[in-house]
Amino acid sequence: MTAASTPPLHVLRGILRLTKSAPSKPTPVSAAAAATAQSPASFPPTNDEPTTLRQHVMAQYRLSRSLPPREAKIKRQMAHDFYLLKRDLMERARLHDLDQGADEKLSPRELSRRAAARAGLQLPKLDSE
């Protein structure tokens, strides 16, 4: 799918899902980067609270709803490219783990659990556990 045919809400949910599955510690966005990405009409972030990546993504999504069509298209393209990049990097990390011998290090049960989790499923609890 191209950025033009992908609904912005779909891209937003994808980015949020990928950032949720990342490590749980907040990824601070620099105040300078957050300030340059926001329009003068929106309020600048306070120095007391570091902006997490998730908060930054939500703020940019809300901001893009009021942009002119040309600028909104550019923002949608950037968000779509980021989503694809993040998704591909996570897949690359997974393949890198497998190349390092995760199939030999992990039990078949753990490999099955991870495969099911990638598909959004949970394996049933077995009596032997």
N, C-alpha and C. Protein backbone atom coordinates (compact mmCIF):
# COMPACT_ATOMS: atom_id res chain seq x y z
N MET A 1 0.84 -1.19 0.00
CA MET A 1 0.00 0.00 0.00
C MET A 1 0.88 1.24 0.00
N THR A 2 0.43 2.25 -0.66
CA THR A 2 1.16 3.51 -0.66
C THR A 2 0.61 4.40 0.43
N ALA A 3 1.34 5.48 0.69
CA ALA A 3 0.90 6.40 1.74
C ALA A 3 -0.41 7.06 1.37
N ALA A 4 -0.65 7.27 0.08
CA ALA A 4 -1.88 7.93 -0.34
C ALA A 4 -3.11 7.04 -0.12
N SER A 5 -2.93 5.73 -0.26
CA SER A 5 -4.07 4.84 -0.12
C SER A 5 -4.23 4.28 1.30
N THR A 6 -3.26 4.52 2.16
CA THR A 6 -3.35 4.03 3.54
C THR A 6 -4.02 5.07 4.41
N PRO A 7 -5.08 4.71 5.11
CA PRO A 7 -5.74 5.69 5.99
C PRO A 7 -4.80 6.15 7.10
N PRO A 8 -4.79 7.45 7.41
CA PRO A 8 -3.89 7.96 8.45
C PRO A 8 -4.09 7.30 9.80
N LEU A 9 -5.32 6.95 10.13
CA LEU A 9 -5.59 6.30 11.42
C LEU A 9 -4.95 4.91 11.46
N HIS A 10 -4.93 4.23 10.33
CA HIS A 10 -4.29 2.91 10.24
C HIS A 10 -2.78 3.04 10.50
N VAL A 11 -2.17 4.05 9.91
CA VAL A 11 -0.74 4.29 10.10
C VAL A 11 -0.46 4.66 11.56
N LEU A 12 -1.30 5.53 12.12
CA LEU A 12 -1.13 5.93 13.52
C LEU A 12 -1.20 4.72 14.44
N ARG A 13 -2.20 3.88 14.26
CA ARG A 13 -2.33 2.69 15.10
C ARG A 13 -1.14 1.75 14.93
N GLY A 14 -0.66 1.64 13.71
CA GLY A 14 0.51 0.80 13.47
C GLY A 14 1.74 1.32 14.20
N ILE A 15 1.96 2.63 14.13
CA ILE A 15 3.11 3.23 14.82
C ILE A 15 2.97 3.05 16.32
N LEU A 16 1.79 3.29 16.86
CA LEU A 16 1.58 3.14 18.30
C LEU A 16 1.76 1.69 18.74
N ARG A 17 1.31 0.76 17.91
CA ARG A 17 1.49 -0.66 18.24
C ARG A 17 2.98 -1.02 18.25
N LEU A 18 3.72 -0.52 17.28
CA LEU A 18 5.15 -0.83 17.22
C LEU A 18 5.93 -0.15 18.34
N THR A 19 5.51 1.05 18.74
CA THR A 19 6.22 1.71 19.84
C THR A 19 5.84 1.08 21.17
N LYS A 20 4.65 0.48 21.24
CA LYS A 20 4.24 -0.19 22.48
C LYS A 20 5.05 -1.46 22.69
N SER A 21 5.36 -2.16 21.61
CA SER A 21 6.10 -3.40 21.75
C SER A 21 7.59 -3.17 21.92
N ALA A 22 8.03 -1.92 21.81
CA ALA A 22 9.43 -1.58 22.05
C ALA A 22 9.69 -1.61 23.55
N PRO A 23 10.94 -1.45 23.98
CA PRO A 23 11.23 -1.44 25.42
C PRO A 23 10.35 -0.44 26.16
N SER A 24 10.01 -0.77 27.41
CA SER A 24 9.01 0.00 28.14
C SER A 24 9.50 1.35 28.66
N LYS A 25 10.83 1.56 28.70
CA LYS A 25 11.28 2.86 29.19
C LYS A 25 10.96 3.94 28.18
N PRO A 26 10.56 5.14 28.62
CA PRO A 26 10.18 6.19 27.69
C PRO A 26 11.37 6.64 26.86
N THR A 27 11.13 6.84 25.58
CA THR A 27 12.15 7.36 24.69
C THR A 27 11.95 8.86 24.59
N PRO A 28 12.81 9.65 25.24
CA PRO A 28 12.59 11.09 25.21
C PRO A 28 12.89 11.66 23.83
N VAL A 29 12.04 12.56 23.41
CA VAL A 29 12.26 13.31 22.19
C VAL A 29 12.85 14.63 22.63
N SER A 30 13.91 15.06 21.97
CA SER A 30 14.55 16.30 22.41
C SER A 30 13.58 17.46 22.31
N ALA A 31 13.71 18.40 23.21
CA ALA A 31 12.81 19.55 23.23
C ALA A 31 12.96 20.37 21.96
N ALA A 32 14.16 20.43 21.43
CA ALA A 32 14.38 21.19 20.19
C ALA A 32 13.66 20.54 19.02
N ALA A 33 13.75 19.21 18.92
CA ALA A 33 13.07 18.51 17.84
C ALA A 33 11.56 18.62 17.98
N ALA A 34 11.07 18.53 19.20
CA ALA A 34 9.63 18.65 19.42
C ALA A 34 9.15 20.06 19.13
N ALA A 35 9.95 21.06 19.47
CA ALA A 35 9.55 22.45 19.25
C ALA A 35 9.55 22.79 17.76
N THR A 36 10.53 22.28 17.00
CA THR A 36 10.57 22.58 15.57
C THR A 36 9.47 21.86 14.82
N ALA A 37 9.03 20.72 15.33
CA ALA A 37 7.99 19.96 14.65
C ALA A 37 6.60 20.53 14.90
N GLN A 38 6.45 21.36 15.92
CA GLN A 38 5.14 21.92 16.25
C GLN A 38 4.97 23.29 15.60
N SER A 39 3.75 23.64 15.37
CA SER A 39 3.47 24.96 14.80
C SER A 39 3.46 25.99 15.92
N PRO A 40 3.61 27.27 15.58
CA PRO A 40 3.59 28.29 16.61
C PRO A 40 2.27 28.37 17.36
N ALA A 41 1.19 27.89 16.74
CA ALA A 41 -0.11 27.97 17.39
C ALA A 41 -0.23 26.97 18.55
N SER A 42 0.52 25.88 18.48
CA SER A 42 0.42 24.89 19.55
C SER A 42 1.39 25.25 20.67
N PHE A 43 1.10 24.73 21.84
CA PHE A 43 1.92 25.08 23.00
C PHE A 43 3.23 24.28 22.98
N PRO A 44 4.33 24.89 23.39
CA PRO A 44 5.59 24.15 23.44
C PRO A 44 5.62 23.22 24.66
N PRO A 45 6.37 22.11 24.57
CA PRO A 45 6.44 21.21 25.73
C PRO A 45 7.21 21.87 26.86
N THR A 46 6.83 21.56 28.07
CA THR A 46 7.53 22.13 29.21
C THR A 46 8.84 21.37 29.40
N ASN A 47 9.81 22.01 30.00
CA ASN A 47 11.10 21.37 30.22
C ASN A 47 11.03 20.38 31.37
N ASP A 48 9.96 20.44 32.19
CA ASP A 48 9.83 19.55 33.33
C ASP A 48 9.50 18.12 32.89
N GLU A 49 8.71 17.98 31.83
CA GLU A 49 8.25 16.67 31.39
C GLU A 49 8.93 16.29 30.07
N PRO A 50 9.70 15.20 30.06
CA PRO A 50 10.25 14.77 28.77
C PRO A 50 9.13 14.20 27.91
N THR A 51 9.13 14.51 26.64
CA THR A 51 8.11 14.03 25.73
C THR A 51 8.51 12.63 25.26
N THR A 52 7.64 11.66 25.45
CA THR A 52 7.93 10.32 24.96
C THR A 52 7.60 10.26 23.48
N LEU A 53 8.12 9.24 22.83
CA LEU A 53 7.86 9.06 21.40
C LEU A 53 6.36 8.91 21.15
N ARG A 54 5.69 8.17 22.01
CA ARG A 54 4.24 7.96 21.87
C ARG A 54 3.48 9.29 21.95
N GLN A 55 3.84 10.13 22.92
CA GLN A 55 3.19 11.44 23.06
C GLN A 55 3.48 12.33 21.85
N HIS A 56 4.71 12.25 21.37
CA HIS A 56 5.10 13.06 20.20
C HIS A 56 4.29 12.64 18.97
N VAL A 57 4.14 11.32 18.77
CA VAL A 57 3.37 10.82 17.63
C VAL A 57 1.92 11.28 17.72
N MET A 58 1.33 11.17 18.91
CA MET A 58 -0.06 11.62 19.08
C MET A 58 -0.21 13.12 18.83
N ALA A 59 0.74 13.90 19.32
CA ALA A 59 0.69 15.35 19.11
C ALA A 59 0.79 15.69 17.63
N GLN A 60 1.66 15.00 16.91
CA GLN A 60 1.81 15.26 15.48
C GLN A 60 0.56 14.85 14.71
N TYR A 61 -0.09 13.76 15.12
CA TYR A 61 -1.31 13.33 14.46
C TYR A 61 -2.41 14.37 14.65
N ARG A 62 -2.55 14.85 15.88
CA ARG A 62 -3.58 15.87 16.16
C ARG A 62 -3.29 17.15 15.40
N LEU A 63 -2.02 17.51 15.33
CA LEU A 63 -1.62 18.73 14.63
C LEU A 63 -1.88 18.62 13.13
N SER A 64 -1.66 17.44 12.57
CA SER A 64 -1.79 17.29 11.12
C SER A 64 -3.23 17.37 10.63
N ARG A 65 -4.19 17.19 11.54
CA ARG A 65 -5.60 17.26 11.12
C ARG A 65 -6.00 18.67 10.71
N SER A 66 -5.28 19.69 11.17
CA SER A 66 -5.65 21.06 10.84
C SER A 66 -4.70 21.69 9.82
N LEU A 67 -3.85 20.89 9.18
CA LEU A 67 -2.91 21.42 8.20
C LEU A 67 -3.56 21.54 6.83
N PRO A 68 -3.01 22.41 5.98
CA PRO A 68 -3.48 22.47 4.58
C PRO A 68 -3.21 21.13 3.89
N PRO A 69 -3.94 20.83 2.83
CA PRO A 69 -3.84 19.52 2.18
C PRO A 69 -2.41 19.13 1.75
N ARG A 70 -1.67 20.07 1.22
CA ARG A 70 -0.30 19.75 0.75
C ARG A 70 0.60 19.35 1.91
N GLU A 71 0.55 20.12 3.00
CA GLU A 71 1.37 19.81 4.17
C GLU A 71 0.90 18.52 4.84
N ALA A 72 -0.41 18.30 4.85
CA ALA A 72 -0.95 17.08 5.45
C ALA A 72 -0.48 15.85 4.67
N LYS A 73 -0.41 15.98 3.35
CA LYS A 73 0.06 14.87 2.52
C LYS A 73 1.53 14.56 2.83
N ILE A 74 2.34 15.58 3.02
CA ILE A 74 3.75 15.38 3.36
C ILE A 74 3.88 14.70 4.71
N LYS A 75 3.09 15.15 5.69
CA LYS A 75 3.12 14.53 7.03
C LYS A 75 2.67 13.07 6.96
N ARG A 76 1.62 12.78 6.17
CA ARG A 76 1.15 11.41 6.03
C ARG A 76 2.23 10.53 5.41
N GLN A 77 2.94 11.07 4.42
CA GLN A 77 4.01 10.31 3.77
C GLN A 77 5.14 10.03 4.76
N MET A 78 5.49 11.02 5.58
CA MET A 78 6.54 10.82 6.59
C MET A 78 6.11 9.76 7.61
N ALA A 79 4.87 9.83 8.05
CA ALA A 79 4.37 8.86 9.04
C ALA A 79 4.35 7.46 8.44
N HIS A 80 3.92 7.35 7.21
CA HIS A 80 3.86 6.05 6.55
C HIS A 80 5.28 5.48 6.38
N ASP A 81 6.22 6.31 5.97
CA ASP A 81 7.61 5.87 5.82
C ASP A 81 8.19 5.42 7.17
N PHE A 82 7.87 6.17 8.24
CA PHE A 82 8.35 5.79 9.57
C PHE A 82 7.77 4.45 9.99
N TYR A 83 6.48 4.27 9.73
CA TYR A 83 5.81 3.01 10.07
C TYR A 83 6.48 1.83 9.36
N LEU A 84 6.72 1.99 8.05
CA LEU A 84 7.36 0.92 7.29
C LEU A 84 8.78 0.65 7.79
N LEU A 85 9.51 1.71 8.08
CA LEU A 85 10.87 1.56 8.58
C LEU A 85 10.89 0.82 9.91
N LYS A 86 10.04 1.24 10.84
CA LYS A 86 9.98 0.63 12.16
C LYS A 86 9.58 -0.85 12.06
N ARG A 87 8.59 -1.13 11.22
CA ARG A 87 8.13 -2.51 11.04
C ARG A 87 9.25 -3.38 10.45
N ASP A 88 9.94 -2.86 9.44
CA ASP A 88 11.00 -3.62 8.81
C ASP A 88 12.19 -3.82 9.75
N LEU A 89 12.49 -2.81 10.58
CA LEU A 89 13.59 -2.97 11.54
C LEU A 89 13.27 -4.01 12.60
N MET A 90 12.01 -4.08 13.03
CA MET A 90 11.63 -5.10 14.00
C MET A 90 11.73 -6.49 13.38
N GLU A 91 11.33 -6.63 12.13
CA GLU A 91 11.43 -7.91 11.44
C GLU A 91 12.90 -8.28 11.27
N ARG A 92 13.73 -7.31 10.95
CA ARG A 92 15.16 -7.56 10.79
C ARG A 92 15.78 -8.02 12.12
N ALA A 93 15.38 -7.40 13.22
CA ALA A 93 15.89 -7.81 14.53
C ALA A 93 15.46 -9.24 14.85
N ARG A 94 14.23 -9.59 14.50
CA ARG A 94 13.74 -10.95 14.73
C ARG A 94 14.55 -11.95 13.91
N LEU A 95 14.79 -11.62 12.65
CA LEU A 95 15.57 -12.51 11.80
C LEU A 95 17.02 -12.61 12.28
N HIS A 96 17.54 -11.49 12.80
CA HIS A 96 18.90 -11.49 13.33
C HIS A 96 18.98 -12.44 14.53
N ASP A 97 17.97 -12.43 15.39
CA ASP A 97 17.94 -13.35 16.53
C ASP A 97 17.92 -14.80 16.06
N LEU A 98 17.13 -15.06 15.01
CA LEU A 98 17.08 -16.43 14.49
C LEU A 98 18.41 -16.83 13.88
N ASP A 99 19.08 -15.89 13.21
CA ASP A 99 20.38 -16.19 12.62
C ASP A 99 21.43 -16.48 13.69
N GLN A 100 21.26 -15.91 14.86
CA GLN A 100 22.20 -16.15 15.95
C GLN A 100 21.92 -17.47 16.65
N GLY A 101 20.91 -18.17 16.21
CA GLY A 101 20.65 -19.48 16.78
C GLY A 101 19.55 -19.50 17.82
N ALA A 102 18.58 -18.61 17.72
CA ALA A 102 17.47 -18.61 18.68
C ALA A 102 16.71 -19.93 18.61
N ASP A 103 16.69 -20.56 17.43
CA ASP A 103 16.00 -21.84 17.31
C ASP A 103 16.72 -22.94 18.08
N GLU A 104 18.02 -22.76 18.33
CA GLU A 104 18.77 -23.73 19.13
C GLU A 104 18.76 -23.35 20.61
N LYS A 105 18.71 -22.05 20.89
CA LYS A 105 18.73 -21.58 22.28
C LYS A 105 17.38 -21.74 22.95
N LEU A 106 16.31 -21.54 22.18
CA LEU A 106 14.96 -21.55 22.76
C LEU A 106 14.30 -22.90 22.53
N SER A 107 13.40 -23.21 23.43
CA SER A 107 12.66 -24.47 23.30
C SER A 107 11.61 -24.31 22.19
N PRO A 108 11.14 -25.42 21.63
CA PRO A 108 10.08 -25.34 20.62
C PRO A 108 8.83 -24.65 21.16
N ARG A 109 8.55 -24.83 22.45
CA ARG A 109 7.38 -24.19 23.06
C ARG A 109 7.54 -22.67 23.05
N GLU A 110 8.74 -22.17 23.38
CA GLU A 110 8.98 -20.72 23.39
C GLU A 110 8.94 -20.16 21.98
N LEU A 111 9.49 -20.89 21.00
CA LEU A 111 9.42 -20.44 19.61
C LEU A 111 7.96 -20.35 19.15
N SER A 112 7.15 -21.33 19.54
CA SER A 112 5.72 -21.30 19.18
C SER A 112 5.01 -20.15 19.86
N ARG A 113 5.34 -19.90 21.12
CA ARG A 113 4.72 -18.79 21.85
C ARG A 113 5.05 -17.47 21.18
N ARG A 114 6.31 -17.29 20.78
CA ARG A 114 6.72 -16.04 20.13
C ARG A 114 6.05 -15.87 18.77
N ALA A 115 5.95 -16.96 18.01
CA ALA A 115 5.29 -16.90 16.70
C ALA A 115 3.82 -16.53 16.87
N ALA A 116 3.16 -17.11 17.87
CA ALA A 116 1.75 -16.79 18.13
C ALA A 116 1.61 -15.33 18.57
N ALA A 117 2.53 -14.85 19.39
CA ALA A 117 2.47 -13.46 19.85
C ALA A 117 2.63 -12.50 18.68
N ARG A 118 3.50 -12.83 17.73
CA ARG A 118 3.67 -11.96 16.54
C ARG A 118 2.38 -11.88 15.75
N ALA A 119 1.61 -12.96 15.77
CA ALA A 119 0.33 -12.98 15.04
C ALA A 119 -0.81 -12.43 15.89
N GLY A 120 -0.50 -12.03 17.14
CA GLY A 120 -1.54 -11.47 18.00
C GLY A 120 -2.35 -12.52 18.73
N LEU A 121 -1.81 -13.72 18.87
CA LEU A 121 -2.52 -14.80 19.53
C LEU A 121 -1.79 -15.22 20.80
N GLN A 122 -2.48 -15.98 21.63
CA GLN A 122 -1.89 -16.55 22.83
C GLN A 122 -2.08 -18.04 22.80
N LEU A 123 -1.01 -18.77 23.12
CA LEU A 123 -1.13 -20.22 23.17
C LEU A 123 -1.90 -20.62 24.42
N PRO A 124 -2.68 -21.70 24.35
CA PRO A 124 -3.40 -22.16 25.54
C PRO A 124 -2.43 -22.72 26.56
N LYS A 125 -2.81 -22.63 27.83
CA LYS A 125 -2.00 -23.20 28.91
C LYS A 125 -2.14 -24.72 28.87
N LEU A 126 -1.01 -25.39 28.94
CA LEU A 126 -1.03 -26.84 28.94
C LEU A 126 -0.90 -27.34 30.37
N ASP A 127 -1.38 -28.55 30.63
CA ASP A 127 -1.37 -29.12 31.98
C ASP A 127 0.05 -29.37 32.48
N SER A 128 0.98 -29.62 31.58
CA SER A 128 2.34 -29.96 31.99
C SER A 128 3.14 -28.75 32.47
N GLU A 129 2.60 -27.56 32.36
CA GLU A 129 3.32 -26.34 32.76
C GLU A 129 3.24 -26.09 34.22
